[in-house]
Amino acid sequence: MPKQRLSLGRNWYIIHTVVGFEEIVAENIMKRAEEFDVLDKIFQAIVPKELVWEIKGGKRELVEKKIYPGYVFVDMIVDDRSWYVVRNTPKVTGFVGIGSTPIPVTKEEIEEIFARMQKKEPKIETNFNVGDMVEIIQGLFKGLKGKIIEIDYERQKAKILVPVMGRETPVEVDFLQIIKA
């Protein structure tokens, strides 16, 4: 544990964790804060998540995804005791900062994260990239294979070059109409 440090004031700090244990770490930080009687220094631990559309097997599915896998955000006042409680929580690998000194998240950054978490219109998440070879599985061009030349995430569409009458022709299709070839 570092020598006596000055209190860094109440801020949001980022904790690096073992990936896949973020929710458990957030819960354990709050349990340990209560056990070690530092609830006046550790106020909240969250795992930022957002709603995203995923396309799997030709079906669109709304899922909640971690914005920053492997990280937990903690609203706290850093002093020796609170630092110790958080840093020694199982599956915590450290604070994001310089050496053992945490660096607070800026007000703008945390506001942006909360805005993403509260967003009503989920973003589209797909595993398609420009240059991918895909097969059209629905619609007029069903059965044709081609290369993605453009992706429009807002409209959930891709422009694909497919052979039509011996010529490469761009066609626009919905994400649900294609699979990777």
N, C-alpha and C. Protein backbone atom coordinates (compact mmCIF):
# COMPACT_ATOMS: atom_id res chain seq x y z
N MET A 1 0.86 -1.18 0.00
CA MET A 1 0.00 0.00 0.00
C MET A 1 0.90 1.23 0.00
N PRO A 2 0.54 2.26 -0.79
CA PRO A 2 1.41 3.43 -0.86
C PRO A 2 1.42 4.18 0.47
N LYS A 3 2.45 5.00 0.64
CA LYS A 3 2.53 5.84 1.83
C LYS A 3 1.37 6.81 1.81
N GLN A 4 1.18 7.52 2.92
CA GLN A 4 0.06 8.46 3.07
C GLN A 4 -0.10 9.31 1.80
N ARG A 5 -1.31 9.31 1.26
CA ARG A 5 -1.59 10.14 0.09
C ARG A 5 -2.67 11.13 0.47
N LEU A 6 -2.68 12.21 -0.25
CA LEU A 6 -3.72 13.19 -0.03
C LEU A 6 -5.03 12.68 -0.60
N SER A 7 -6.13 13.11 -0.03
CA SER A 7 -7.42 12.74 -0.59
C SER A 7 -7.55 13.40 -1.95
N LEU A 8 -7.99 12.64 -2.93
CA LEU A 8 -8.12 13.18 -4.28
C LEU A 8 -9.51 13.76 -4.53
N GLY A 9 -10.37 13.77 -3.53
CA GLY A 9 -11.71 14.32 -3.69
C GLY A 9 -12.64 13.31 -4.35
N ARG A 10 -13.94 13.64 -4.30
CA ARG A 10 -14.92 12.72 -4.87
C ARG A 10 -14.91 12.83 -6.39
N ASN A 11 -14.68 11.71 -7.03
CA ASN A 11 -14.65 11.61 -8.48
C ASN A 11 -15.00 10.18 -8.88
N TRP A 12 -15.15 9.99 -10.18
CA TRP A 12 -15.28 8.65 -10.74
C TRP A 12 -13.89 8.19 -11.11
N TYR A 13 -13.59 6.94 -10.77
CA TYR A 13 -12.31 6.33 -11.08
C TYR A 13 -12.58 5.02 -11.82
N ILE A 14 -11.60 4.59 -12.61
CA ILE A 14 -11.74 3.36 -13.39
C ILE A 14 -10.87 2.28 -12.76
N ILE A 15 -11.50 1.13 -12.55
CA ILE A 15 -10.82 -0.02 -11.98
C ILE A 15 -10.69 -1.08 -13.07
N HIS A 16 -9.49 -1.60 -13.25
CA HIS A 16 -9.28 -2.69 -14.20
C HIS A 16 -9.55 -4.00 -13.48
N THR A 17 -10.34 -4.88 -14.15
CA THR A 17 -10.70 -6.17 -13.54
C THR A 17 -10.39 -7.31 -14.51
N VAL A 18 -10.53 -8.50 -14.00
CA VAL A 18 -10.45 -9.68 -14.85
C VAL A 18 -11.72 -9.67 -15.72
N VAL A 19 -11.56 -9.81 -17.03
CA VAL A 19 -12.70 -9.77 -17.95
C VAL A 19 -13.68 -10.89 -17.61
N GLY A 20 -14.96 -10.52 -17.60
CA GLY A 20 -16.00 -11.47 -17.28
C GLY A 20 -16.44 -11.42 -15.82
N PHE A 21 -15.69 -10.71 -14.99
CA PHE A 21 -16.01 -10.61 -13.57
C PHE A 21 -16.44 -9.19 -13.17
N GLU A 22 -16.76 -8.35 -14.14
CA GLU A 22 -17.04 -6.94 -13.85
C GLU A 22 -18.20 -6.76 -12.87
N GLU A 23 -19.32 -7.44 -13.10
CA GLU A 23 -20.49 -7.28 -12.22
C GLU A 23 -20.18 -7.77 -10.81
N ILE A 24 -19.49 -8.89 -10.71
CA ILE A 24 -19.12 -9.45 -9.41
C ILE A 24 -18.20 -8.47 -8.68
N VAL A 25 -17.24 -7.90 -9.39
CA VAL A 25 -16.32 -6.94 -8.78
C VAL A 25 -17.08 -5.72 -8.29
N ALA A 26 -18.00 -5.19 -9.10
CA ALA A 26 -18.77 -4.01 -8.69
C ALA A 26 -19.56 -4.32 -7.42
N GLU A 27 -20.21 -5.48 -7.37
CA GLU A 27 -20.96 -5.88 -6.17
C GLU A 27 -20.03 -6.03 -4.97
N ASN A 28 -18.90 -6.69 -5.18
CA ASN A 28 -17.97 -6.93 -4.08
C ASN A 28 -17.34 -5.64 -3.56
N ILE A 29 -17.10 -4.68 -4.43
CA ILE A 29 -16.57 -3.39 -3.97
C ILE A 29 -17.55 -2.76 -2.98
N MET A 30 -18.85 -2.79 -3.32
CA MET A 30 -19.84 -2.18 -2.44
C MET A 30 -20.01 -2.98 -1.15
N LYS A 31 -19.95 -4.32 -1.23
CA LYS A 31 -20.02 -5.14 -0.01
C LYS A 31 -18.83 -4.86 0.90
N ARG A 32 -17.65 -4.78 0.30
CA ARG A 32 -16.44 -4.52 1.08
C ARG A 32 -16.45 -3.11 1.66
N ALA A 33 -17.02 -2.15 0.93
CA ALA A 33 -17.12 -0.78 1.44
C ALA A 33 -17.95 -0.77 2.72
N GLU A 34 -19.02 -1.58 2.73
CA GLU A 34 -19.87 -1.68 3.92
C GLU A 34 -19.11 -2.39 5.05
N GLU A 35 -18.48 -3.51 4.73
CA GLU A 35 -17.74 -4.29 5.73
C GLU A 35 -16.61 -3.48 6.38
N PHE A 36 -15.91 -2.68 5.57
CA PHE A 36 -14.77 -1.91 6.06
C PHE A 36 -15.18 -0.50 6.51
N ASP A 37 -16.50 -0.25 6.53
CA ASP A 37 -17.06 1.01 7.00
C ASP A 37 -16.49 2.23 6.25
N VAL A 38 -16.50 2.13 4.91
CA VAL A 38 -16.06 3.26 4.08
C VAL A 38 -17.15 3.69 3.09
N LEU A 39 -18.41 3.46 3.47
CA LEU A 39 -19.51 3.90 2.59
C LEU A 39 -19.57 5.42 2.48
N ASP A 40 -18.86 6.12 3.37
CA ASP A 40 -18.76 7.57 3.26
C ASP A 40 -17.68 7.99 2.27
N LYS A 41 -16.97 7.00 1.73
CA LYS A 41 -15.90 7.27 0.73
C LYS A 41 -16.15 6.56 -0.59
N ILE A 42 -16.85 5.42 -0.57
CA ILE A 42 -17.15 4.66 -1.78
C ILE A 42 -18.67 4.68 -1.94
N PHE A 43 -19.15 5.35 -2.99
CA PHE A 43 -20.57 5.63 -3.12
C PHE A 43 -21.29 4.71 -4.12
N GLN A 44 -20.59 4.35 -5.18
CA GLN A 44 -21.25 3.57 -6.23
C GLN A 44 -20.18 2.89 -7.09
N ALA A 45 -20.49 1.67 -7.54
CA ALA A 45 -19.63 0.95 -8.48
C ALA A 45 -20.53 0.44 -9.59
N ILE A 46 -20.19 0.78 -10.82
CA ILE A 46 -21.03 0.40 -11.96
C ILE A 46 -20.20 -0.23 -13.08
N VAL A 47 -20.90 -1.03 -13.87
CA VAL A 47 -20.34 -1.59 -15.09
C VAL A 47 -21.15 -0.94 -16.22
N PRO A 48 -20.59 0.06 -16.92
CA PRO A 48 -21.36 0.73 -17.98
C PRO A 48 -21.75 -0.23 -19.10
N LYS A 49 -23.06 -0.22 -19.44
CA LYS A 49 -23.59 -1.07 -20.50
C LYS A 49 -24.50 -0.24 -21.39
N GLU A 50 -24.69 -0.73 -22.62
CA GLU A 50 -25.61 -0.09 -23.56
C GLU A 50 -26.34 -1.16 -24.35
N LEU A 51 -27.49 -0.77 -24.88
CA LEU A 51 -28.25 -1.69 -25.74
C LEU A 51 -27.71 -1.61 -27.15
N VAL A 52 -27.50 -2.76 -27.77
CA VAL A 52 -27.05 -2.81 -29.16
C VAL A 52 -27.82 -3.89 -29.90
N TRP A 53 -27.99 -3.67 -31.19
CA TRP A 53 -28.59 -4.71 -32.04
C TRP A 53 -27.47 -5.59 -32.53
N GLU A 54 -27.63 -6.89 -32.40
CA GLU A 54 -26.68 -7.85 -32.95
C GLU A 54 -27.41 -8.64 -34.02
N ILE A 55 -26.71 -8.97 -35.07
CA ILE A 55 -27.26 -9.81 -36.12
C ILE A 55 -26.57 -11.17 -36.01
N LYS A 56 -27.36 -12.18 -35.68
CA LYS A 56 -26.80 -13.53 -35.54
C LYS A 56 -27.71 -14.49 -36.27
N GLY A 57 -27.14 -15.26 -37.16
CA GLY A 57 -27.90 -16.26 -37.89
C GLY A 57 -29.07 -15.68 -38.65
N GLY A 58 -28.89 -14.46 -39.15
CA GLY A 58 -29.95 -13.82 -39.94
C GLY A 58 -31.07 -13.23 -39.10
N LYS A 59 -30.89 -13.19 -37.78
CA LYS A 59 -31.92 -12.61 -36.91
C LYS A 59 -31.35 -11.43 -36.14
N ARG A 60 -32.16 -10.42 -36.00
CA ARG A 60 -31.77 -9.22 -35.25
C ARG A 60 -32.19 -9.42 -33.80
N GLU A 61 -31.23 -9.20 -32.88
CA GLU A 61 -31.48 -9.43 -31.47
C GLU A 61 -30.97 -8.23 -30.67
N LEU A 62 -31.79 -7.72 -29.74
CA LEU A 62 -31.41 -6.61 -28.88
C LEU A 62 -30.72 -7.17 -27.64
N VAL A 63 -29.46 -6.77 -27.43
CA VAL A 63 -28.69 -7.28 -26.29
C VAL A 63 -28.04 -6.13 -25.53
N GLU A 64 -27.77 -6.38 -24.25
CA GLU A 64 -27.06 -5.40 -23.44
C GLU A 64 -25.59 -5.79 -23.44
N LYS A 65 -24.73 -4.84 -23.79
CA LYS A 65 -23.29 -5.13 -23.88
C LYS A 65 -22.51 -4.16 -23.01
N LYS A 66 -21.42 -4.65 -22.46
CA LYS A 66 -20.53 -3.79 -21.67
C LYS A 66 -19.86 -2.80 -22.62
N ILE A 67 -19.84 -1.55 -22.22
CA ILE A 67 -19.18 -0.53 -23.04
C ILE A 67 -17.66 -0.71 -22.96
N TYR A 68 -17.16 -1.02 -21.75
CA TYR A 68 -15.73 -1.21 -21.53
C TYR A 68 -15.49 -2.54 -20.81
N PRO A 69 -15.44 -3.65 -21.57
CA PRO A 69 -15.19 -4.94 -20.92
C PRO A 69 -13.87 -4.90 -20.13
N GLY A 70 -13.90 -5.45 -18.93
CA GLY A 70 -12.69 -5.48 -18.11
C GLY A 70 -12.54 -4.28 -17.20
N TYR A 71 -13.55 -3.40 -17.16
CA TYR A 71 -13.44 -2.20 -16.33
C TYR A 71 -14.71 -1.96 -15.52
N VAL A 72 -14.52 -1.43 -14.32
CA VAL A 72 -15.61 -1.02 -13.44
C VAL A 72 -15.35 0.44 -13.09
N PHE A 73 -16.40 1.25 -13.05
CA PHE A 73 -16.29 2.65 -12.70
C PHE A 73 -16.77 2.82 -11.26
N VAL A 74 -15.98 3.52 -10.45
CA VAL A 74 -16.31 3.68 -9.04
C VAL A 74 -16.35 5.17 -8.69
N ASP A 75 -17.47 5.57 -8.09
CA ASP A 75 -17.65 6.93 -7.58
C ASP A 75 -17.15 6.90 -6.14
N MET A 76 -16.05 7.60 -5.89
CA MET A 76 -15.43 7.48 -4.57
C MET A 76 -14.53 8.67 -4.25
N ILE A 77 -14.21 8.77 -2.98
CA ILE A 77 -13.17 9.68 -2.51
C ILE A 77 -11.97 8.80 -2.22
N VAL A 78 -10.87 9.04 -2.89
CA VAL A 78 -9.69 8.20 -2.71
C VAL A 78 -8.89 8.69 -1.51
N ASP A 79 -8.75 7.82 -0.53
CA ASP A 79 -7.79 8.01 0.55
C ASP A 79 -7.17 6.63 0.80
N ASP A 80 -6.33 6.52 1.79
CA ASP A 80 -5.63 5.25 2.01
C ASP A 80 -6.59 4.08 2.22
N ARG A 81 -7.62 4.27 3.05
CA ARG A 81 -8.55 3.17 3.35
C ARG A 81 -9.39 2.79 2.14
N SER A 82 -9.99 3.79 1.48
CA SER A 82 -10.86 3.46 0.34
C SER A 82 -10.05 2.86 -0.80
N TRP A 83 -8.84 3.38 -1.03
CA TRP A 83 -7.96 2.83 -2.06
C TRP A 83 -7.68 1.36 -1.76
N TYR A 84 -7.36 1.07 -0.49
CA TYR A 84 -7.03 -0.28 -0.07
C TYR A 84 -8.22 -1.23 -0.28
N VAL A 85 -9.42 -0.79 0.12
CA VAL A 85 -10.62 -1.63 0.00
C VAL A 85 -10.86 -1.99 -1.46
N VAL A 86 -10.80 -1.00 -2.35
CA VAL A 86 -11.06 -1.25 -3.77
C VAL A 86 -9.93 -2.07 -4.38
N ARG A 87 -8.72 -1.66 -4.15
CA ARG A 87 -7.56 -2.30 -4.78
C ARG A 87 -7.43 -3.77 -4.38
N ASN A 88 -7.87 -4.11 -3.18
CA ASN A 88 -7.72 -5.48 -2.69
C ASN A 88 -9.00 -6.30 -2.81
N THR A 89 -9.95 -5.83 -3.61
CA THR A 89 -11.14 -6.61 -3.91
C THR A 89 -10.73 -7.72 -4.87
N PRO A 90 -11.18 -8.95 -4.63
CA PRO A 90 -10.81 -10.05 -5.54
C PRO A 90 -11.17 -9.72 -7.00
N LYS A 91 -10.30 -10.10 -7.90
CA LYS A 91 -10.42 -9.92 -9.36
C LYS A 91 -10.15 -8.49 -9.82
N VAL A 92 -9.76 -7.59 -8.91
CA VAL A 92 -9.34 -6.24 -9.30
C VAL A 92 -7.85 -6.32 -9.59
N THR A 93 -7.44 -5.83 -10.77
CA THR A 93 -6.02 -5.86 -11.09
C THR A 93 -5.36 -4.50 -10.88
N GLY A 94 -6.17 -3.46 -10.66
CA GLY A 94 -5.59 -2.15 -10.36
C GLY A 94 -6.47 -1.00 -10.79
N PHE A 95 -6.08 0.18 -10.37
CA PHE A 95 -6.73 1.41 -10.80
C PHE A 95 -6.11 1.85 -12.12
N VAL A 96 -6.88 2.52 -12.95
CA VAL A 96 -6.32 3.15 -14.13
C VAL A 96 -5.69 4.45 -13.64
N GLY A 97 -4.40 4.60 -13.89
CA GLY A 97 -3.70 5.78 -13.42
C GLY A 97 -2.22 5.64 -13.64
N ILE A 98 -1.47 6.44 -12.90
CA ILE A 98 -0.01 6.43 -13.01
C ILE A 98 0.53 5.72 -11.78
N GLY A 99 1.17 4.59 -12.00
CA GLY A 99 1.66 3.79 -10.88
C GLY A 99 0.48 3.33 -10.05
N SER A 100 0.51 3.63 -8.75
CA SER A 100 -0.60 3.24 -7.87
C SER A 100 -1.55 4.41 -7.62
N THR A 101 -1.32 5.54 -8.28
CA THR A 101 -2.17 6.72 -8.10
C THR A 101 -3.27 6.75 -9.16
N PRO A 102 -4.53 6.63 -8.73
CA PRO A 102 -5.63 6.66 -9.70
C PRO A 102 -5.79 8.04 -10.33
N ILE A 103 -6.21 8.07 -11.57
CA ILE A 103 -6.51 9.33 -12.25
C ILE A 103 -8.02 9.39 -12.42
N PRO A 104 -8.66 10.46 -11.93
CA PRO A 104 -10.12 10.54 -12.05
C PRO A 104 -10.57 10.71 -13.49
N VAL A 105 -11.78 10.22 -13.75
CA VAL A 105 -12.43 10.41 -15.06
C VAL A 105 -12.93 11.84 -15.10
N THR A 106 -12.79 12.51 -16.24
CA THR A 106 -13.27 13.89 -16.33
C THR A 106 -14.79 13.93 -16.30
N LYS A 107 -15.33 15.05 -15.93
CA LYS A 107 -16.79 15.23 -15.88
C LYS A 107 -17.40 14.96 -17.25
N GLU A 108 -16.75 15.45 -18.30
CA GLU A 108 -17.25 15.26 -19.67
C GLU A 108 -17.28 13.79 -20.05
N GLU A 109 -16.22 13.07 -19.69
CA GLU A 109 -16.15 11.64 -20.02
C GLU A 109 -17.25 10.85 -19.32
N ILE A 110 -17.47 11.12 -18.03
CA ILE A 110 -18.49 10.35 -17.30
C ILE A 110 -19.88 10.72 -17.79
N GLU A 111 -20.10 11.99 -18.16
CA GLU A 111 -21.40 12.38 -18.71
C GLU A 111 -21.67 11.67 -20.03
N GLU A 112 -20.63 11.52 -20.85
CA GLU A 112 -20.77 10.82 -22.13
C GLU A 112 -21.11 9.34 -21.90
N ILE A 113 -20.48 8.73 -20.91
CA ILE A 113 -20.75 7.32 -20.60
C ILE A 113 -22.19 7.15 -20.13
N PHE A 114 -22.64 8.03 -19.22
CA PHE A 114 -24.03 7.94 -18.75
C PHE A 114 -25.02 8.19 -19.88
N ALA A 115 -24.68 9.09 -20.80
CA ALA A 115 -25.56 9.34 -21.95
C ALA A 115 -25.68 8.09 -22.81
N ARG A 116 -24.56 7.39 -23.03
CA ARG A 116 -24.60 6.14 -23.80
C ARG A 116 -25.43 5.08 -23.09
N MET A 117 -25.34 5.03 -21.77
CA MET A 117 -26.07 4.02 -21.00
C MET A 117 -27.58 4.28 -21.04
N GLN A 118 -27.97 5.54 -21.16
CA GLN A 118 -29.39 5.90 -21.12
C GLN A 118 -30.00 6.05 -22.50
N LYS A 119 -29.20 5.86 -23.53
CA LYS A 119 -29.68 6.02 -24.90
C LYS A 119 -30.83 5.07 -25.20
N LYS A 120 -31.90 5.63 -25.72
CA LYS A 120 -33.10 4.82 -26.02
C LYS A 120 -32.95 4.06 -27.33
N GLU A 121 -32.31 4.68 -28.32
CA GLU A 121 -32.15 4.06 -29.63
C GLU A 121 -30.85 3.28 -29.65
N PRO A 122 -30.92 1.96 -29.58
CA PRO A 122 -29.69 1.18 -29.52
C PRO A 122 -28.89 1.25 -30.82
N LYS A 123 -27.57 1.16 -30.66
CA LYS A 123 -26.74 1.15 -31.85
C LYS A 123 -26.76 -0.23 -32.48
N ILE A 124 -26.37 -0.28 -33.74
CA ILE A 124 -26.34 -1.55 -34.47
C ILE A 124 -24.96 -2.16 -34.33
N GLU A 125 -24.91 -3.42 -33.97
CA GLU A 125 -23.63 -4.11 -33.90
C GLU A 125 -23.69 -5.30 -34.83
N THR A 126 -22.73 -5.37 -35.71
CA THR A 126 -22.69 -6.46 -36.66
C THR A 126 -21.25 -6.87 -36.86
N ASN A 127 -21.04 -8.05 -37.37
CA ASN A 127 -19.68 -8.50 -37.61
C ASN A 127 -19.28 -8.33 -39.07
N PHE A 128 -20.05 -7.52 -39.83
CA PHE A 128 -19.72 -7.27 -41.23
C PHE A 128 -18.73 -6.10 -41.33
N ASN A 129 -17.81 -6.22 -42.29
CA ASN A 129 -16.85 -5.16 -42.56
C ASN A 129 -16.76 -4.95 -44.07
N VAL A 130 -16.38 -3.75 -44.46
CA VAL A 130 -16.14 -3.48 -45.88
C VAL A 130 -15.07 -4.45 -46.35
N GLY A 131 -15.31 -5.09 -47.49
CA GLY A 131 -14.37 -6.06 -48.04
C GLY A 131 -14.75 -7.51 -47.75
N ASP A 132 -15.68 -7.72 -46.82
CA ASP A 132 -16.12 -9.08 -46.50
C ASP A 132 -16.90 -9.69 -47.67
N MET A 133 -16.71 -10.98 -47.88
CA MET A 133 -17.52 -11.72 -48.85
C MET A 133 -18.75 -12.22 -48.12
N VAL A 134 -19.92 -11.98 -48.73
CA VAL A 134 -21.19 -12.38 -48.11
C VAL A 134 -22.08 -13.07 -49.13
N GLU A 135 -23.07 -13.78 -48.60
CA GLU A 135 -24.07 -14.40 -49.45
C GLU A 135 -25.42 -13.80 -49.10
N ILE A 136 -26.19 -13.46 -50.13
CA ILE A 136 -27.53 -12.93 -49.92
C ILE A 136 -28.45 -14.11 -49.70
N ILE A 137 -29.19 -14.09 -48.58
CA ILE A 137 -30.03 -15.24 -48.22
C ILE A 137 -31.52 -14.95 -48.34
N GLN A 138 -31.88 -13.70 -48.66
CA GLN A 138 -33.29 -13.34 -48.81
C GLN A 138 -33.42 -12.29 -49.91
N GLY A 139 -34.58 -12.24 -50.50
CA GLY A 139 -34.88 -11.19 -51.46
C GLY A 139 -34.58 -11.56 -52.90
N LEU A 140 -34.63 -10.57 -53.77
CA LEU A 140 -34.48 -10.72 -55.21
C LEU A 140 -33.15 -11.36 -55.61
N PHE A 141 -32.08 -11.07 -54.87
CA PHE A 141 -30.75 -11.56 -55.24
C PHE A 141 -30.31 -12.76 -54.39
N LYS A 142 -31.28 -13.48 -53.82
CA LYS A 142 -31.00 -14.64 -52.98
C LYS A 142 -30.09 -15.63 -53.71
N GLY A 143 -29.06 -16.12 -52.98
CA GLY A 143 -28.14 -17.10 -53.54
C GLY A 143 -26.89 -16.49 -54.15
N LEU A 144 -26.90 -15.17 -54.41
CA LEU A 144 -25.71 -14.54 -54.98
C LEU A 144 -24.71 -14.20 -53.89
N LYS A 145 -23.42 -14.30 -54.28
CA LYS A 145 -22.35 -13.93 -53.36
C LYS A 145 -21.67 -12.69 -53.89
N GLY A 146 -21.21 -11.87 -52.97
CA GLY A 146 -20.53 -10.65 -53.39
C GLY A 146 -19.70 -10.06 -52.26
N LYS A 147 -19.07 -8.93 -52.57
CA LYS A 147 -18.18 -8.27 -51.61
C LYS A 147 -18.84 -6.99 -51.12
N ILE A 148 -18.81 -6.77 -49.80
CA ILE A 148 -19.35 -5.53 -49.22
C ILE A 148 -18.44 -4.36 -49.61
N ILE A 149 -19.06 -3.32 -50.18
CA ILE A 149 -18.28 -2.13 -50.55
C ILE A 149 -18.64 -0.91 -49.70
N GLU A 150 -19.76 -1.02 -48.97
CA GLU A 150 -20.19 0.11 -48.14
C GLU A 150 -21.14 -0.41 -47.06
N ILE A 151 -21.06 0.19 -45.86
CA ILE A 151 -21.95 -0.19 -44.77
C ILE A 151 -22.60 1.07 -44.20
N ASP A 152 -23.93 1.03 -44.03
CA ASP A 152 -24.68 2.13 -43.43
C ASP A 152 -25.31 1.61 -42.14
N TYR A 153 -24.63 1.86 -41.01
CA TYR A 153 -25.10 1.34 -39.74
C TYR A 153 -26.42 1.95 -39.30
N GLU A 154 -26.62 3.22 -39.59
CA GLU A 154 -27.87 3.88 -39.19
C GLU A 154 -29.08 3.24 -39.86
N ARG A 155 -28.97 2.92 -41.15
CA ARG A 155 -30.09 2.32 -41.89
C ARG A 155 -30.06 0.80 -41.85
N GLN A 156 -28.98 0.23 -41.27
CA GLN A 156 -28.79 -1.22 -41.17
C GLN A 156 -28.75 -1.88 -42.53
N LYS A 157 -28.00 -1.27 -43.44
CA LYS A 157 -27.90 -1.77 -44.81
C LYS A 157 -26.44 -1.86 -45.24
N ALA A 158 -26.22 -2.72 -46.22
CA ALA A 158 -24.89 -2.87 -46.81
C ALA A 158 -25.02 -2.82 -48.33
N LYS A 159 -24.03 -2.21 -48.97
CA LYS A 159 -23.98 -2.21 -50.42
C LYS A 159 -22.98 -3.27 -50.83
N ILE A 160 -23.44 -4.18 -51.73
CA ILE A 160 -22.64 -5.33 -52.11
C ILE A 160 -22.49 -5.38 -53.62
N LEU A 161 -21.28 -5.71 -54.07
CA LEU A 161 -21.04 -5.93 -55.50
C LEU A 161 -21.33 -7.39 -55.81
N VAL A 162 -22.36 -7.61 -56.65
CA VAL A 162 -22.73 -8.98 -57.03
C VAL A 162 -22.73 -9.10 -58.55
N PRO A 163 -22.48 -10.30 -59.07
CA PRO A 163 -22.51 -10.48 -60.53
C PRO A 163 -23.95 -10.57 -61.04
N VAL A 164 -24.34 -9.62 -61.88
CA VAL A 164 -25.65 -9.64 -62.51
C VAL A 164 -25.41 -9.52 -64.02
N MET A 165 -25.83 -10.55 -64.77
CA MET A 165 -25.64 -10.60 -66.23
C MET A 165 -24.18 -10.34 -66.61
N GLY A 166 -23.28 -10.98 -65.88
CA GLY A 166 -21.87 -10.91 -66.22
C GLY A 166 -21.17 -9.63 -65.78
N ARG A 167 -21.86 -8.76 -65.06
CA ARG A 167 -21.25 -7.50 -64.60
C ARG A 167 -21.34 -7.38 -63.09
N GLU A 168 -20.33 -6.77 -62.50
CA GLU A 168 -20.36 -6.47 -61.07
C GLU A 168 -21.35 -5.33 -60.87
N THR A 169 -22.39 -5.57 -60.11
CA THR A 169 -23.44 -4.57 -59.91
C THR A 169 -23.64 -4.32 -58.41
N PRO A 170 -23.64 -3.04 -58.01
CA PRO A 170 -23.87 -2.77 -56.58
C PRO A 170 -25.37 -2.91 -56.24
N VAL A 171 -25.66 -3.65 -55.18
CA VAL A 171 -27.03 -3.77 -54.69
C VAL A 171 -27.03 -3.47 -53.20
N GLU A 172 -28.11 -2.86 -52.74
CA GLU A 172 -28.23 -2.54 -51.32
C GLU A 172 -29.17 -3.52 -50.65
N VAL A 173 -28.72 -4.11 -49.55
CA VAL A 173 -29.52 -5.10 -48.84
C VAL A 173 -29.50 -4.79 -47.34
N ASP A 174 -30.52 -5.27 -46.66
CA ASP A 174 -30.62 -5.16 -45.20
C ASP A 174 -29.63 -6.15 -44.58
N PHE A 175 -29.09 -5.84 -43.40
CA PHE A 175 -28.18 -6.75 -42.71
C PHE A 175 -28.80 -8.13 -42.53
N LEU A 176 -30.11 -8.19 -42.36
CA LEU A 176 -30.76 -9.48 -42.14
C LEU A 176 -30.77 -10.35 -43.39
N GLN A 177 -30.50 -9.76 -44.55
CA GLN A 177 -30.55 -10.50 -45.81
C GLN A 177 -29.23 -11.13 -46.19
N ILE A 178 -28.18 -10.94 -45.36
CA ILE A 178 -26.86 -11.46 -45.74
C ILE A 178 -26.23 -12.24 -44.59
N ILE A 179 -25.35 -13.17 -44.98
CA ILE A 179 -24.51 -13.88 -44.04
C ILE A 179 -23.09 -13.91 -44.63
N LYS A 180 -22.11 -14.09 -43.77
CA LYS A 180 -20.73 -14.18 -44.28
C LYS A 180 -20.60 -15.44 -45.12
N ALA A 181 -19.91 -15.29 -46.25
CA ALA A 181 -19.73 -16.42 -47.17
C ALA A 181 -18.54 -17.26 -46.75
